[in-house]
Amino acid sequence: MAACYSADEDGTVHLPYRTDTGLLVDEVWERWLAWDPVRMAPKHADALRGMRAIWIDAGRWDEPHLDLGAEAFRQELASLAVTDVHFELFDAGHGNIEYRYPMSLAYLAERLAP
């Protein structure tokens, strides 16, 4: 993720922490936080409210704890009066969840159809 969030123009990648101590490197960590969907939502509230559908789901036992991020994002959307949201925490972890794809695609396709 460092290559996505904190690479320089020349491709140099910076980690948001020091590898010898684990301490945060504040200026790099701020670059990561700028891409946090929960923090980005208020700046894009009008666009989010204009969407015809948003699907958010995560496994209740998600190993990287993306269920917590999904819940935080759902709450932020609610605070911004974004209403066209499907939210679900399902009984699984992070992997082998391909069976979820047809549900999400059907939900989105129905709402995107003219």
Protein backbone atom coordinates (compact mmCIF):
# COMPACT_ATOMS: atom_id res chain seq x y z
CA MET A 1 0.00 0.00 0.00
CA ALA A 2 2.95 2.30 0.52
CA ALA A 3 3.47 2.38 -3.25
CA CYS A 4 -0.13 3.61 -3.62
CA TYR A 5 -0.22 6.12 -0.79
CA SER A 6 3.27 7.48 -0.33
CA ALA A 7 5.43 7.14 -3.40
CA ASP A 8 7.27 10.12 -4.80
CA GLU A 9 7.07 11.18 -8.45
CA ASP A 10 10.28 9.26 -9.15
CA GLY A 11 8.78 6.06 -7.70
CA THR A 12 10.58 6.15 -4.37
CA VAL A 13 8.28 4.51 -1.82
CA HIS A 14 8.09 5.74 1.77
CA LEU A 15 6.71 3.71 4.65
CA PRO A 16 4.59 5.56 7.22
CA TYR A 17 6.72 4.20 10.07
CA ARG A 18 10.34 3.64 10.88
CA THR A 19 11.33 0.02 10.33
CA ASP A 20 13.85 0.11 13.19
CA THR A 21 11.44 1.42 15.86
CA GLY A 22 7.90 1.23 14.49
CA LEU A 23 7.43 4.93 15.23
CA LEU A 24 5.19 6.83 12.83
CA VAL A 25 6.73 9.19 10.31
CA ASP A 26 4.11 11.92 10.61
CA GLU A 27 4.51 13.53 7.18
CA VAL A 28 4.20 10.15 5.45
CA TRP A 29 1.34 8.99 7.69
CA GLU A 30 -0.57 12.17 6.78
CA ARG A 31 -0.29 11.15 3.12
CA TRP A 32 -1.90 7.82 4.01
CA LEU A 33 -4.67 9.46 6.03
CA ALA A 34 -5.50 11.70 3.07
CA TRP A 35 -6.70 8.52 1.26
CA ASP A 36 -8.82 7.22 4.15
CA PRO A 37 -12.40 6.89 2.82
CA VAL A 38 -13.91 8.00 6.13
CA ARG A 39 -11.82 11.17 6.13
CA MET A 40 -12.43 11.77 2.41
CA ALA A 41 -16.21 11.46 2.60
CA PRO A 42 -17.04 14.97 3.88
CA LYS A 43 -15.11 16.56 0.99
CA HIS A 44 -17.12 14.46 -1.47
CA ALA A 45 -20.49 14.56 0.31
CA ASP A 46 -22.44 15.98 -2.64
CA ALA A 47 -21.07 13.35 -5.02
CA LEU A 48 -21.79 10.58 -2.51
CA ARG A 49 -25.36 11.80 -2.02
CA GLY A 50 -25.78 11.79 -5.81
CA MET A 51 -24.82 8.14 -6.21
CA ARG A 52 -27.58 5.74 -7.07
CA ALA A 53 -26.09 2.92 -5.02
CA ILE A 54 -23.27 2.20 -2.62
CA TRP A 55 -22.50 -1.35 -1.46
CA ILE A 56 -20.45 -1.82 1.70
CA ASP A 57 -19.79 -5.21 3.19
CA ALA A 58 -17.14 -7.00 5.18
CA GLY A 59 -16.70 -10.24 7.05
CA ARG A 60 -17.32 -10.11 10.79
CA TRP A 61 -13.99 -11.88 11.27
CA ASP A 62 -12.02 -9.94 8.68
CA GLU A 63 -8.38 -10.61 9.53
CA PRO A 64 -7.19 -7.06 8.70
CA HIS A 65 -10.31 -5.77 10.56
CA LEU A 66 -11.83 -4.11 7.50
CA ASP A 67 -15.19 -4.67 9.18
CA LEU A 68 -14.28 -1.78 11.49
CA GLY A 69 -13.49 0.47 8.54
CA ALA A 70 -16.70 -0.56 6.79
CA GLU A 71 -18.74 0.35 9.87
CA ALA A 72 -16.92 3.67 10.26
CA PHE A 73 -17.55 4.50 6.59
CA ARG A 74 -21.24 3.56 6.92
CA GLN A 75 -21.59 5.83 9.94
CA GLU A 76 -19.86 8.70 8.15
CA LEU A 77 -22.15 8.31 5.14
CA ALA A 78 -25.18 8.37 7.45
CA SER A 79 -23.93 11.56 9.10
CA LEU A 80 -23.69 13.11 5.61
CA ALA A 81 -27.27 12.06 4.74
CA VAL A 82 -26.12 9.56 2.12
CA THR A 83 -29.06 7.17 1.93
CA ASP A 84 -28.62 4.80 -1.03
CA VAL A 85 -26.36 2.45 0.91
CA HIS A 86 -26.43 -1.30 1.38
CA PHE A 87 -24.40 -2.31 4.43
CA GLU A 88 -23.78 -5.82 5.66
CA LEU A 89 -21.37 -7.59 7.97
CA PHE A 90 -21.42 -11.26 7.00
CA ASP A 91 -20.18 -14.37 8.79
CA ALA A 92 -16.76 -14.86 7.24
CA GLY A 93 -13.22 -13.54 7.16
CA HIS A 94 -11.34 -11.72 4.42
CA GLY A 95 -10.72 -14.55 1.97
CA ASN A 96 -12.75 -16.98 -0.11
CA ILE A 97 -15.69 -14.61 -0.34
CA GLU A 98 -16.22 -14.74 -4.10
CA TYR A 99 -19.73 -16.02 -3.43
CA ARG A 100 -20.56 -12.46 -2.33
CA TYR A 101 -19.84 -10.94 -5.76
CA PRO A 102 -23.13 -11.89 -7.47
CA MET A 103 -25.14 -10.21 -4.69
CA SER A 104 -23.22 -6.98 -4.88
CA LEU A 105 -23.20 -6.89 -8.68
CA ALA A 106 -26.95 -7.57 -8.85
CA TYR A 107 -27.64 -4.80 -6.32
CA LEU A 108 -25.52 -2.30 -8.23
CA ALA A 109 -26.75 -3.34 -11.69
CA GLU A 110 -30.39 -2.95 -10.67
CA ARG A 111 -29.75 0.58 -9.48
CA LEU A 112 -27.61 1.60 -12.44
CA ALA A 113 -30.09 0.40 -15.04
CA PRO A 114 -31.92 3.27 -16.81
